[in-house]
Amino acid sequence: MKSKRIISICTFWYILFLSSCTKSEQITELLVHADSIVYSHPDSAENILNKISDIKLSDRQTADYSRLRTNAHILNRKSTVEDSMIIYALNYYKKHNMQKELKESYMLALNHLAWKNDSTNYRLYMEDAKELVKLENDSLFSFTILRSIANNYYDKKNYELAYRYYVKASEYNDFDPSIFYTAALANSQIKNNDSVDYWMQKAINLAKQQKDTASVFHYYRNYADIQIGAKKYDKALINIRNMERYNRYPINVAPFMTAIIFFQQHKLDSAQYYLNKMTEQKLGSNDKRSFLFTKKGLEFFQNIISYAQGGSFDFQSIGQYTDSLNVDREIRMKKFEEQVLAKQQLSEQNHALIINKQRIQLLLLSILSLALIVAVIAYLYIKRKKEKLYRMEEKMESLQKLLADVSDDLKYSRENSSYFKKVLLQQLGLIRLTASNPTKQNQEMLQCMTKITNDEIPVDSLIVWEDLYALIDSLYNNLYSKMKNSFGDILTEKEMQLCCLLCAHFTTKEINVITQQSVRTIYQRKTTIREKLNMQEAEDIIEFIRR
C-alpha cells in the first residue's frame, strides 16, 4: 500500500508540474509575440500583455512584461507614471548582463521617472545611463539616451543644458531632423538667434531630402514664430511663404500669421486684410486644439483691431468662449471618470472570470488526478490479483500432478516416499478435494489456497507432525529419532520438518506448494542447515544425517 501511495503522489505532482510548465511556455510565447509587434502595433501588444496581467510570472517573465508594457504605453502616447516595475526590469537585466534589454530599459526608466517628476532618481539613473553610453559602442542607444536627457532638461526649462545634450545627441545621429529642430528651439529660449538659424535650416534641409513634407511645414511654421518673436519680420514673411508650399491641411494658416506680423508693426489695415482672408476659409466655431485659428480666435483679434481703431472691445464673445471651455472640460472629466469606472468594472469582471477559470482548471485537474490515481490503483490491484491467481493455478497444477504421481505410484509400487506423500496429502485434505466434482474441486482448492496464502489458515494446523515423525521413523530407519538425538539442540523444529520432507523425496517446488513457504525461504533454510551441521555446500543433507 505504501508503494501505491508513493506512485499516486508522484503522479499527481507530475501532472501539476507538467501543467505549470505548459502554462509558463504559453506565457513566454505571448511575451515573445508582444515583443515582435510592440513597435509596429503597440495597441495590439498592450492587449496581449493585458491578458497575462493577473497571472503569476517568473522573474524573467516579470522583467519582460514590465519592459514591454512601459514601451507600449509610450508608443500609445500614454502616461508611464504607474509603470514602476520598469525599475525592477532594469535591475534584472543589469544583474543578468542582458545588454539589449538593459539599454531599452534605461530609456523607458528615464521616461517613467520624468513622468513622476522624480528628479533625484532621474539624475541617478541618468548618470548610470551616461556611463553605459561611454562603454557601449551603440550609436542608436547613445542618441536616444542623450536626447532623453536633453528633453528632460528642456521640460525643466534648463535650456542651456538641454541645448548641450541635443548637440551631443546629434553627433550620434545626423539623419533625424527632429534633433536639429529641438536644438533650435532650445537656442531660441536662450536668445541665441544665430545658432537658431543654423539648426533650423539644417532640420528643414534634412526633412526636404527625406521628402517629409509634414515636418518641413511644421519647421517653417515654428521658425516663422521664432523670427516674429525676435522681430525679424522680413525673414518671418519669407518662411511663411515657404511654409505655404508644403501645407497639406484644409486650413491655410499663412494669412493669420501674416496678419500677426502686421499687427505687431501696427499696420492695422494690412492686418485686417489678412484676417479677412482667414475668415473666408471654413473654420470651426469651437476648435479647442488651436484657438487662434477658430472663428472665436479671429473674433478676438478683430476686437483688438476695432479697439485700436477707436471702437469698443466686445468681452461677451470671450466670456462665452471661456464658459464653453469650462463646460467642455466638465463633460470631458465626467466622460473620463465614467471610462475609468467602466474600465475598473471590466477589470474586476475579468479578474473574477480568471479566478473562476482557474477554479475550473483546478477542479478538472483534481478530477483527472483522481481518475488517474484510481486507474493506477485498479491496474495494480488487477495485476496483483492476476499474479496471485496465476500462482494459485500453478500451485494447483503442482498439487494435482503430485496427487496423480502418488496415485500412480501406489498402484504399481509400495515405495516409502509415495506412501508418506499420500499420508501427508490426506492430512491436508487435498485428496478429498480432488475427488469432488472438477469444477467444485477447482473452486474449493483455490479457496483453500487463498486462505493459506492470506495466513487465514496456518499450514501447521493442517499437518499433524507428531504422527508424521513416527511414520518417518517407521519408513526411513528411525531418521527422525536419530536427527532429534544428534542435532535436536542445533536444528529448529521447522528445519527438522524440512529434513523429513527432503527424506521423503519432496522437491523444492512440492515443499513450496505443501507448506506454503516461498522457494527462497526453503533454499535459505537448506543453507542454514548445512552451516549449522558444518556441511559442504554440495553435500546431501539426508545422507549426512543418516551417518
Protein backbone atom coordinates (compact mmCIF):
# COMPACT_ATOMS: atom_id res chain seq x y z
CA MET A 1 0.00 0.00 0.00
CA LYS A 2 2.92 2.32 0.71
CA SER A 3 4.28 1.90 -2.81
CA LYS A 4 0.83 2.63 -4.24
CA ARG A 5 0.62 5.83 -2.20
CA ILE A 6 4.04 6.97 -3.40
CA ILE A 7 3.10 6.28 -7.04
CA SER A 8 -0.14 8.23 -6.62
CA ILE A 9 1.59 11.25 -5.06
CA CYS A 10 4.32 11.25 -7.72
CA THR A 11 1.71 11.05 -10.46
CA PHE A 12 -0.27 13.97 -9.00
CA TRP A 13 2.77 16.23 -8.70
CA TYR A 14 3.96 15.24 -12.15
CA ILE A 15 0.63 16.36 -13.61
CA LEU A 16 0.82 19.66 -11.72
CA PHE A 17 4.40 20.19 -12.87
CA LEU A 18 3.50 19.37 -16.46
CA SER A 19 0.53 21.75 -16.30
CA SER A 20 2.64 24.60 -14.86
CA CYS A 21 5.38 24.05 -17.45
CA THR A 22 2.86 24.18 -20.27
CA LYS A 23 1.31 27.39 -18.86
CA SER A 24 4.75 29.00 -18.44
CA GLU A 25 5.63 28.15 -22.04
CA GLN A 26 2.38 29.73 -23.25
CA ILE A 27 3.13 32.96 -21.32
CA THR A 28 6.65 33.07 -22.78
CA GLU A 29 5.20 32.69 -26.29
CA LEU A 30 2.79 35.60 -25.66
CA LEU A 31 5.66 37.79 -24.43
CA VAL A 32 7.78 36.95 -27.47
CA HIS A 33 4.87 37.77 -29.78
CA ALA A 34 4.21 41.08 -27.99
CA ASP A 35 7.91 41.94 -28.30
CA SER A 36 7.82 41.31 -32.05
CA ILE A 37 4.89 43.69 -32.68
CA VAL A 38 5.29 46.36 -29.99
CA TYR A 39 6.83 48.92 -32.37
CA SER A 40 4.57 48.19 -35.34
CA HIS A 41 1.31 47.61 -33.41
CA PRO A 42 1.74 48.88 -29.83
CA ASP A 43 -2.01 48.75 -29.15
CA SER A 44 -2.14 45.04 -30.05
CA ALA A 45 0.95 44.37 -27.93
CA GLU A 46 -0.73 46.08 -24.98
CA ASN A 47 -3.86 43.93 -25.42
CA ILE A 48 -1.69 40.79 -25.33
CA LEU A 49 0.01 41.99 -22.15
CA ASN A 50 -3.37 42.70 -20.53
CA LYS A 51 -4.27 39.01 -20.89
CA ILE A 52 -1.45 37.99 -18.55
CA SER A 53 -1.57 40.94 -16.14
CA ASP A 54 -3.13 38.85 -13.32
CA ILE A 55 -1.01 35.71 -13.79
CA LYS A 56 1.95 34.88 -11.57
CA LEU A 57 5.12 35.20 -13.65
CA SER A 58 8.69 34.07 -13.25
CA ASP A 59 11.43 36.67 -12.61
CA ARG A 60 12.43 36.78 -16.29
CA GLN A 61 8.81 36.93 -17.44
CA THR A 62 8.10 39.76 -14.97
CA ALA A 63 11.05 41.77 -16.31
CA ASP A 64 10.00 41.25 -19.95
CA TYR A 65 6.36 42.03 -19.15
CA SER A 66 7.29 45.30 -17.38
CA ARG A 67 9.60 46.41 -20.19
CA LEU A 68 7.08 45.67 -22.94
CA ARG A 69 4.18 47.28 -21.06
CA THR A 70 6.09 50.52 -20.45
CA ASN A 71 7.21 50.63 -24.06
CA ALA A 72 3.64 50.04 -25.29
CA HIS A 73 2.38 52.89 -23.10
CA ILE A 74 4.96 55.28 -24.53
CA LEU A 75 4.24 54.27 -28.12
CA ASN A 76 0.50 54.61 -27.47
CA ARG A 77 1.16 58.12 -26.08
CA LYS A 78 0.10 57.18 -22.56
CA SER A 79 1.50 58.15 -19.19
CA THR A 80 4.11 55.84 -17.64
CA VAL A 81 3.58 57.12 -14.08
CA GLU A 82 2.26 53.73 -12.92
CA ASP A 83 4.95 51.68 -14.68
CA SER A 84 7.23 51.49 -11.65
CA MET A 85 8.12 47.84 -12.41
CA ILE A 86 10.39 49.08 -15.21
CA ILE A 87 12.98 49.72 -12.46
CA TYR A 88 12.73 46.04 -11.48
CA ALA A 89 13.20 45.05 -15.13
CA LEU A 90 16.25 47.33 -15.48
CA ASN A 91 17.91 45.86 -12.37
CA TYR A 92 17.11 42.30 -13.53
CA TYR A 93 18.71 42.86 -16.94
CA LYS A 94 21.72 44.53 -15.32
CA LYS A 95 22.19 41.58 -12.94
CA HIS A 96 21.98 39.03 -15.77
CA ASN A 97 24.06 41.13 -18.20
CA MET A 98 21.31 41.28 -20.86
CA GLN A 99 22.65 44.30 -22.74
CA LYS A 100 19.98 44.67 -25.44
CA GLU A 101 17.11 44.67 -22.94
CA LEU A 102 19.13 46.77 -20.46
CA LYS A 103 19.63 49.61 -22.97
CA GLU A 104 15.95 49.72 -23.79
CA SER A 105 15.06 49.63 -20.08
CA TYR A 106 17.26 52.66 -19.34
CA MET A 107 15.33 54.70 -21.91
CA LEU A 108 12.00 53.52 -20.54
CA ALA A 109 13.02 54.07 -16.91
CA LEU A 110 14.09 57.66 -17.61
CA ASN A 111 10.72 58.28 -19.27
CA HIS A 112 8.92 56.82 -16.23
CA LEU A 113 10.92 58.93 -13.76
CA ALA A 114 10.34 62.04 -15.87
CA TRP A 115 6.57 61.43 -15.74
CA LYS A 116 6.79 61.01 -11.96
CA ASN A 117 8.87 64.19 -11.58
CA ASP A 118 11.30 62.10 -9.54
CA SER A 119 14.33 64.30 -10.20
CA THR A 120 16.54 62.52 -7.63
CA ASN A 121 16.23 59.07 -9.13
CA TYR A 122 16.17 60.52 -12.63
CA ARG A 123 19.63 62.02 -12.09
CA LEU A 124 20.85 58.75 -10.55
CA TYR A 125 19.73 56.60 -13.48
CA MET A 126 20.76 59.29 -15.96
CA GLU A 127 24.34 59.10 -14.65
CA ASP A 128 24.23 55.28 -14.94
CA ALA A 129 22.96 55.60 -18.50
CA LYS A 130 25.68 58.11 -19.37
CA GLU A 131 28.32 55.67 -18.08
CA LEU A 132 26.81 52.94 -20.21
CA VAL A 133 26.91 55.29 -23.22
CA LYS A 134 30.67 55.62 -22.72
CA LEU A 135 31.14 51.85 -22.54
CA GLU A 136 28.82 50.80 -25.35
CA ASN A 137 29.61 51.40 -29.00
CA ASP A 138 25.94 51.75 -29.88
CA SER A 139 25.09 54.99 -31.66
CA LEU A 140 21.31 54.46 -31.51
CA PHE A 141 21.36 53.84 -27.76
CA SER A 142 23.67 56.80 -27.17
CA PHE A 143 21.47 59.06 -29.30
CA THR A 144 18.26 58.01 -27.56
CA ILE A 145 19.68 58.40 -24.04
CA LEU A 146 21.24 61.82 -24.75
CA ARG A 147 18.05 63.07 -26.39
CA SER A 148 16.01 61.82 -23.41
CA ILE A 149 18.31 63.71 -21.05
CA ALA A 150 18.06 66.83 -23.23
CA ASN A 151 14.24 66.61 -23.30
CA ASN A 152 14.15 66.37 -19.52
CA TYR A 153 16.31 69.48 -19.17
CA TYR A 154 14.09 71.26 -21.71
CA ASP A 155 10.96 70.36 -19.71
CA LYS A 156 12.67 71.71 -16.59
CA LYS A 157 13.40 74.94 -18.54
CA ASN A 158 17.13 74.43 -18.22
CA TYR A 159 17.59 75.35 -21.88
CA GLU A 160 21.36 75.69 -21.86
CA LEU A 161 21.92 72.11 -20.65
CA ALA A 162 19.16 70.93 -22.95
CA TYR A 163 20.91 72.54 -25.93
CA ARG A 164 24.24 70.99 -24.91
CA TYR A 165 22.78 67.48 -24.82
CA TYR A 166 20.87 67.99 -28.08
CA VAL A 167 24.19 68.82 -29.72
CA LYS A 168 25.80 65.70 -28.19
CA ALA A 169 22.90 63.57 -29.37
CA SER A 170 23.22 64.95 -32.92
CA GLU A 171 26.78 63.58 -33.03
CA TYR A 172 25.35 60.04 -32.92
CA ASN A 173 22.52 60.65 -35.39
CA ASP A 174 22.78 63.05 -38.33
CA PHE A 175 19.77 61.71 -40.24
CA ASP A 176 16.99 62.62 -37.78
CA PRO A 177 15.90 66.25 -38.45
CA SER A 178 13.97 66.41 -35.16
CA ILE A 179 17.19 66.58 -33.12
CA PHE A 180 18.32 69.67 -35.03
CA TYR A 181 14.86 71.19 -34.70
CA THR A 182 14.78 70.71 -30.90
CA ALA A 183 18.30 72.15 -30.65
CA ALA A 184 16.99 75.25 -32.47
CA LEU A 185 14.04 75.51 -30.05
CA ALA A 186 16.40 75.35 -27.04
CA ASN A 187 18.53 78.05 -28.65
CA SER A 188 15.50 80.26 -29.21
CA GLN A 189 14.76 80.11 -25.48
CA ILE A 190 18.25 81.34 -24.60
CA LYS A 191 18.01 84.02 -27.35
CA ASN A 192 20.90 82.61 -29.36
CA ASN A 193 19.37 83.63 -32.69
CA ASP A 194 22.38 82.93 -34.89
CA SER A 195 22.52 79.31 -33.74
CA VAL A 196 18.75 79.08 -34.15
CA ASP A 197 19.09 79.83 -37.87
CA TYR A 198 21.87 77.23 -38.23
CA TRP A 199 19.99 74.38 -36.54
CA MET A 200 16.60 75.22 -38.05
CA GLN A 201 17.98 75.37 -41.58
CA LYS A 202 19.74 72.06 -41.01
CA ALA A 203 16.49 70.47 -39.81
CA ILE A 204 14.48 71.87 -42.76
CA ASN A 205 17.05 70.81 -45.38
CA LEU A 206 17.25 67.27 -43.98
CA ALA A 207 13.45 66.96 -43.88
CA LYS A 208 13.30 68.12 -47.51
CA GLN A 209 15.88 65.49 -48.51
CA GLN A 210 13.73 62.86 -46.85
CA LYS A 211 10.60 64.29 -48.53
CA ASP A 212 8.93 64.68 -45.14
CA THR A 213 6.55 67.49 -46.12
CA ALA A 214 4.68 67.43 -42.80
CA SER A 215 7.90 68.07 -40.87
CA VAL A 216 9.02 70.77 -43.35
CA PHE A 217 5.69 72.56 -42.89
CA HIS A 218 5.95 72.27 -39.10
CA TYR A 219 9.55 73.52 -39.01
CA TYR A 220 8.86 76.52 -41.27
CA ARG A 221 5.84 77.48 -39.20
CA ASN A 222 7.71 77.41 -35.88
CA TYR A 223 10.75 79.03 -37.49
CA ALA A 224 8.49 81.91 -38.52
CA ASP A 225 7.06 82.15 -34.99
CA ILE A 226 10.59 82.35 -33.56
CA GLN A 227 11.50 85.10 -36.03
CA ILE A 228 8.31 87.01 -35.22
CA GLY A 229 9.26 86.84 -31.53
CA ALA A 230 12.74 88.12 -32.44
CA LYS A 231 11.12 90.90 -34.54
CA LYS A 232 12.74 89.62 -37.75
CA TYR A 233 9.55 90.24 -39.69
CA ASP A 234 11.03 90.11 -43.19
CA LYS A 235 12.63 86.71 -42.59
CA ALA A 236 9.40 85.56 -40.95
CA LEU A 237 7.39 86.51 -44.06
CA ILE A 238 9.83 84.56 -46.25
CA ASN A 239 9.39 81.47 -44.08
CA ILE A 240 5.61 81.89 -44.14
CA ARG A 241 5.67 81.89 -47.95
CA ASN A 242 7.92 78.79 -47.91
CA MET A 243 5.54 77.17 -45.43
CA GLU A 244 2.54 77.63 -47.75
CA ARG A 245 4.18 75.46 -50.41
CA TYR A 246 4.23 72.49 -48.03
CA ASN A 247 0.77 72.95 -46.49
CA ARG A 248 -1.34 69.79 -46.85
CA TYR A 249 -4.01 70.76 -44.30
CA PRO A 250 -7.56 72.02 -45.06
CA ILE A 251 -6.87 75.37 -43.37
CA ASN A 252 -4.15 77.70 -44.57
CA VAL A 253 -2.70 79.48 -41.53
CA ALA A 254 -0.36 81.70 -43.56
CA PRO A 255 -2.85 84.63 -43.74
CA PHE A 256 -3.29 84.64 -39.98
CA MET A 257 0.48 84.53 -39.31
CA THR A 258 0.94 87.37 -41.81
CA ALA A 259 -1.79 89.33 -40.01
CA ILE A 260 0.14 88.84 -36.76
CA ILE A 261 3.27 90.36 -38.34
CA PHE A 262 1.38 93.44 -39.50
CA PHE A 263 -0.42 93.63 -36.20
CA GLN A 264 2.98 93.74 -34.40
CA GLN A 265 4.04 96.55 -36.77
CA HIS A 266 0.80 98.45 -36.02
CA LYS A 267 -0.22 98.18 -39.69
CA LEU A 268 -3.86 97.53 -38.83
CA ASP A 269 -5.25 97.83 -42.38
CA SER A 270 -2.89 95.15 -43.64
CA ALA A 271 -3.64 93.05 -40.59
CA GLN A 272 -7.38 93.46 -41.27
CA TYR A 273 -6.88 92.41 -44.90
CA TYR A 274 -5.24 89.12 -43.95
CA LEU A 275 -7.76 88.48 -41.18
CA ASN A 276 -10.50 88.82 -43.80
CA LYS A 277 -8.69 86.27 -45.96
CA MET A 278 -8.60 83.97 -42.98
CA THR A 279 -12.34 84.29 -42.35
CA GLU A 280 -13.05 83.29 -45.97
CA GLN A 281 -11.94 79.75 -45.06
CA LYS A 282 -14.21 77.18 -43.44
CA LEU A 283 -13.13 77.45 -39.83
CA GLY A 284 -14.51 75.52 -36.90
CA SER A 285 -16.50 77.57 -34.44
CA ASN A 286 -15.06 75.95 -31.32
CA ASP A 287 -11.87 74.08 -32.14
CA LYS A 288 -10.04 73.67 -28.79
CA ARG A 289 -6.83 72.42 -30.34
CA SER A 290 -5.97 75.77 -31.95
CA PHE A 291 -7.98 78.65 -30.58
CA LEU A 292 -6.24 81.28 -32.74
CA PHE A 293 -7.43 79.59 -35.93
CA THR A 294 -11.10 79.34 -34.95
CA LYS A 295 -13.87 81.83 -35.51
CA LYS A 296 -13.69 82.78 -31.84
CA GLY A 297 -9.97 83.38 -32.11
CA LEU A 298 -10.40 85.60 -35.15
CA GLU A 299 -13.18 87.48 -33.36
CA PHE A 300 -10.75 88.12 -30.53
CA PHE A 301 -8.19 89.69 -32.87
CA GLN A 302 -10.91 91.56 -34.69
CA ASN A 303 -11.92 93.08 -31.36
CA ILE A 304 -8.33 94.19 -30.76
CA ILE A 305 -8.14 95.87 -34.18
CA SER A 306 -11.53 97.57 -33.63
CA TYR A 307 -10.45 98.77 -30.21
CA ALA A 308 -7.15 100.12 -31.64
CA GLN A 309 -9.13 101.99 -34.31
CA GLY A 310 -11.24 103.72 -31.62
CA GLY A 311 -14.04 101.18 -31.27
CA SER A 312 -15.19 99.18 -28.23
CA PHE A 313 -13.93 95.75 -27.07
CA ASP A 314 -16.60 93.00 -27.02
CA PHE A 315 -15.91 90.91 -23.92
CA GLN A 316 -19.10 88.88 -24.32
CA SER A 317 -17.72 86.59 -27.02
CA ILE A 318 -14.59 85.92 -24.94
CA GLY A 319 -16.76 85.16 -21.91
CA GLN A 320 -18.93 82.79 -23.93
CA TYR A 321 -15.85 81.05 -25.23
CA THR A 322 -14.30 80.55 -21.78
CA ASP A 323 -17.65 79.33 -20.47
CA SER A 324 -17.82 76.78 -23.28
CA LEU A 325 -14.31 75.65 -22.37
CA ASN A 326 -15.35 75.10 -18.76
CA VAL A 327 -18.46 73.18 -19.78
CA ASP A 328 -16.47 71.09 -22.20
CA ARG A 329 -13.85 70.38 -19.55
CA GLU A 330 -16.53 69.22 -17.13
CA ILE A 331 -18.06 67.00 -19.78
CA ARG A 332 -14.68 65.51 -20.64
CA MET A 333 -13.89 64.96 -16.95
CA LYS A 334 -17.23 63.23 -16.46
CA LYS A 335 -16.60 61.04 -19.50
CA PHE A 336 -13.13 60.27 -18.21
CA GLU A 337 -14.47 59.30 -14.78
CA GLU A 338 -17.10 57.09 -16.42
CA GLN A 339 -14.45 55.46 -18.58
CA VAL A 340 -12.24 54.85 -15.55
CA LEU A 341 -15.19 53.36 -13.66
CA ALA A 342 -16.15 51.20 -16.63
CA LYS A 343 -12.53 50.07 -17.01
CA GLN A 344 -12.38 49.23 -13.32
CA GLN A 345 -15.61 47.24 -13.53
CA LEU A 346 -14.34 45.39 -16.58
CA SER A 347 -11.08 44.70 -14.78
CA GLU A 348 -12.97 43.31 -11.78
CA GLN A 349 -15.16 41.18 -14.03
CA ASN A 350 -12.11 39.96 -15.91
CA HIS A 351 -10.41 39.15 -12.61
CA ALA A 352 -13.48 37.22 -11.46
CA LEU A 353 -13.56 35.31 -14.75
CA ILE A 354 -9.88 34.45 -14.38
CA ILE A 355 -10.47 33.19 -10.82
CA ASN A 356 -13.44 31.08 -11.98
CA LYS A 357 -11.40 29.76 -14.87
CA GLN A 358 -8.56 28.82 -12.52
CA ARG A 359 -11.03 27.13 -10.17
CA ILE A 360 -12.50 25.12 -13.04
CA GLN A 361 -9.00 24.20 -14.22
CA LEU A 362 -8.06 23.13 -10.69
CA LEU A 363 -11.27 21.10 -10.39
CA LEU A 364 -10.66 19.41 -13.73
CA LEU A 365 -7.05 18.77 -12.76
CA SER A 366 -8.20 17.29 -9.45
CA ILE A 367 -10.74 15.06 -11.22
CA LEU A 368 -8.11 14.00 -13.75
CA SER A 369 -5.63 13.30 -10.96
CA LEU A 370 -8.22 11.32 -9.01
CA ALA A 371 -9.17 9.35 -12.12
CA LEU A 372 -5.53 8.62 -12.81
CA ILE A 373 -4.92 7.55 -9.21
CA VAL A 374 -7.98 5.27 -9.33
CA ALA A 375 -6.78 3.85 -12.64
CA VAL A 376 -3.30 3.18 -11.25
CA ILE A 377 -4.72 1.55 -8.11
CA ALA A 378 -7.14 -0.53 -10.19
CA TYR A 379 -4.32 -1.56 -12.50
CA LEU A 380 -2.08 -2.58 -9.59
CA TYR A 381 -4.97 -4.40 -7.90
CA ILE A 382 -5.91 -6.34 -11.04
CA LYS A 383 -2.27 -7.08 -11.76
CA ARG A 384 -1.76 -8.37 -8.24
CA LYS A 385 -4.93 -10.48 -8.45
CA LYS A 386 -3.84 -11.93 -11.78
CA GLU A 387 -0.41 -12.76 -10.42
CA LYS A 388 -1.97 -14.29 -7.34
CA LEU A 389 -4.40 -16.29 -9.44
CA TYR A 390 -1.59 -17.39 -11.71
CA ARG A 391 0.45 -18.60 -8.72
CA MET A 392 -2.59 -20.40 -7.33
CA GLU A 393 -3.26 -22.11 -10.64
CA GLU A 394 0.39 -23.05 -10.89
CA LYS A 395 0.32 -24.49 -7.37
CA MET A 396 -2.95 -26.27 -8.11
CA GLU A 397 -1.36 -27.89 -11.15
CA SER A 398 1.61 -28.94 -9.00
CA LEU A 399 -0.73 -30.39 -6.37
CA GLN A 400 -2.77 -32.22 -8.98
CA LYS A 401 0.42 -33.59 -10.54
CA LEU A 402 1.66 -34.60 -7.09
CA LEU A 403 -1.63 -36.38 -6.36
CA ALA A 404 -1.53 -38.08 -9.72
CA ASP A 405 2.06 -39.22 -9.16
CA VAL A 406 1.20 -40.56 -5.72
CA SER A 407 -1.84 -42.42 -7.05
CA ASP A 408 0.17 -43.96 -9.88
CA ASP A 409 3.00 -44.94 -7.55
CA LEU A 410 0.57 -46.56 -5.16
CA LYS A 411 -0.94 -48.61 -8.00
CA TYR A 412 2.36 -50.05 -9.10
CA SER A 413 4.61 -49.71 -6.05
CA ARG A 414 4.71 -49.53 -2.29
CA GLU A 415 7.71 -47.21 -2.18
CA ASN A 416 8.09 -45.43 1.13
CA SER A 417 8.21 -41.90 -0.35
CA SER A 418 4.93 -42.38 -2.21
CA TYR A 419 3.24 -43.73 0.88
CA PHE A 420 4.47 -40.82 3.01
CA LYS A 421 3.30 -38.29 0.40
CA LYS A 422 -0.13 -39.86 0.36
CA VAL A 423 -0.43 -39.69 4.14
CA LEU A 424 0.71 -36.07 4.18
CA LEU A 425 -1.78 -35.10 1.49
CA GLN A 426 -4.55 -36.88 3.32
CA GLN A 427 -3.78 -34.80 6.41
CA LEU A 428 -4.07 -31.63 4.34
CA GLY A 429 -7.39 -32.86 2.98
CA LEU A 430 -6.32 -32.37 -0.64
CA ILE A 431 -7.20 -35.92 -1.74
CA ARG A 432 -10.79 -35.29 -0.69
CA LEU A 433 -10.84 -32.05 -2.71
CA THR A 434 -9.56 -33.70 -5.86
CA ALA A 435 -12.17 -36.49 -5.53
CA SER A 436 -15.00 -33.94 -5.81
CA ASN A 437 -16.60 -32.57 -8.93
CA PRO A 438 -13.83 -30.98 -11.11
CA THR A 439 -15.40 -27.52 -11.13
CA LYS A 440 -16.14 -27.59 -7.46
CA GLN A 441 -12.70 -29.08 -6.89
CA ASN A 442 -11.06 -26.12 -8.54
CA GLN A 443 -13.15 -23.66 -6.56
CA GLU A 444 -12.54 -25.31 -3.21
CA MET A 445 -8.87 -25.80 -3.90
CA LEU A 446 -8.45 -22.16 -4.88
CA GLN A 447 -10.38 -21.07 -1.79
CA CYS A 448 -8.23 -23.24 0.39
CA MET A 449 -5.04 -21.97 -1.21
CA THR A 450 -6.27 -18.40 -0.84
CA LYS A 451 -6.88 -18.84 2.88
CA ILE A 452 -3.49 -20.44 3.35
CA THR A 453 -1.81 -17.67 1.35
CA ASN A 454 -3.53 -14.96 3.39
CA ASP A 455 -2.48 -16.69 6.61
CA GLU A 456 -6.12 -17.29 7.50
CA ILE A 457 -5.35 -21.00 7.84
CA PRO A 458 -1.85 -21.77 9.23
CA VAL A 459 -0.28 -24.70 7.43
CA ASP A 460 0.91 -26.11 10.74
CA SER A 461 -2.69 -26.53 11.81
CA LEU A 462 -3.38 -28.78 8.80
CA ILE A 463 -0.40 -31.15 9.33
CA VAL A 464 -0.10 -33.41 12.37
CA TRP A 465 3.69 -33.67 12.58
CA GLU A 466 3.70 -35.94 15.63
CA ASP A 467 2.07 -38.67 13.54
CA LEU A 468 4.36 -37.95 10.60
CA TYR A 469 7.50 -38.16 12.76
CA ALA A 470 6.51 -41.69 13.77
CA LEU A 471 5.81 -42.52 10.13
CA ILE A 472 9.24 -41.17 9.12
CA ASP A 473 10.93 -43.37 11.72
CA SER A 474 8.93 -46.38 10.50
CA LEU A 475 9.63 -45.81 6.80
CA TYR A 476 13.18 -44.48 6.94
CA ASN A 477 15.07 -46.37 9.63
CA ASN A 478 14.39 -44.05 12.57
CA LEU A 479 15.63 -40.99 10.69
CA TYR A 480 13.69 -38.50 12.79
CA SER A 481 14.79 -40.04 16.11
CA LYS A 482 18.44 -40.08 15.02
CA MET A 483 18.17 -36.47 13.87
CA LYS A 484 16.44 -35.45 17.10
CA ASN A 485 19.07 -37.16 19.27
CA SER A 486 22.08 -35.95 17.29
CA PHE A 487 21.04 -32.48 16.20
CA GLY A 488 17.95 -31.61 18.24
CA ASP A 489 19.83 -28.92 20.12
CA ILE A 490 21.16 -27.41 16.86
CA LEU A 491 18.25 -27.56 14.42
CA THR A 492 14.90 -25.87 14.91
CA GLU A 493 11.57 -27.67 14.58
CA LYS A 494 10.97 -26.10 11.14
CA GLU A 495 14.40 -27.20 9.95
CA MET A 496 13.81 -30.79 11.11
CA GLN A 497 10.40 -30.77 9.36
CA LEU A 498 12.15 -29.69 6.17
CA CYS A 499 14.63 -32.57 6.57
CA CYS A 500 11.70 -35.01 6.92
CA LEU A 501 10.18 -33.76 3.66
CA LEU A 502 13.54 -33.98 1.90
CA CYS A 503 13.92 -37.53 3.20
CA ALA A 504 10.57 -38.39 1.59
CA HIS A 505 11.95 -37.12 -1.72
CA PHE A 506 9.79 -33.96 -1.88
CA THR A 507 11.14 -31.49 -4.43
CA THR A 508 11.60 -27.81 -3.57
CA LYS A 509 8.55 -26.92 -5.64
CA GLU A 510 6.45 -29.55 -3.89
CA ILE A 511 7.58 -28.33 -0.48
CA ASN A 512 6.63 -24.79 -1.59
CA VAL A 513 3.13 -25.96 -2.52
CA ILE A 514 2.54 -28.15 0.52
CA THR A 515 3.91 -25.87 3.26
CA GLN A 516 3.16 -22.52 1.56
CA GLN A 517 6.74 -21.46 2.20
CA SER A 518 8.46 -19.48 -0.55
CA VAL A 519 11.11 -21.17 -2.66
CA ARG A 520 13.62 -18.61 -1.43
CA THR A 521 12.80 -19.45 2.21
CA ILE A 522 13.28 -23.17 1.52
CA TYR A 523 16.67 -22.61 -0.10
CA GLN A 524 17.72 -20.33 2.76
CA ARG A 525 16.76 -22.98 5.33
CA LYS A 526 18.77 -25.59 3.45
CA THR A 527 21.79 -23.31 3.56
CA THR A 528 21.26 -22.64 7.27
CA ILE A 529 21.04 -26.39 7.99
CA ARG A 530 24.34 -27.02 6.16
CA GLU A 531 26.02 -24.21 8.08
CA LYS A 532 24.77 -25.48 11.43
CA LEU A 533 25.92 -29.06 10.64
CA ASN A 534 29.25 -27.83 9.21
CA MET A 535 28.48 -29.45 5.86
CA GLN A 536 29.89 -28.73 2.45
CA GLU A 537 27.64 -26.73 0.13
CA ALA A 538 27.13 -29.60 -2.34
CA GLU A 539 26.81 -32.33 0.34
CA ASP A 540 23.43 -34.12 0.71
CA ILE A 541 21.66 -33.23 3.96
CA ILE A 542 19.80 -36.56 4.40
CA GLU A 543 22.88 -38.67 3.72
CA PHE A 544 24.80 -36.63 6.30
CA ILE A 545 22.08 -37.18 8.94
CA ARG A 546 21.94 -40.94 8.23
CA ARG A 547 25.62 -41.44 9.00
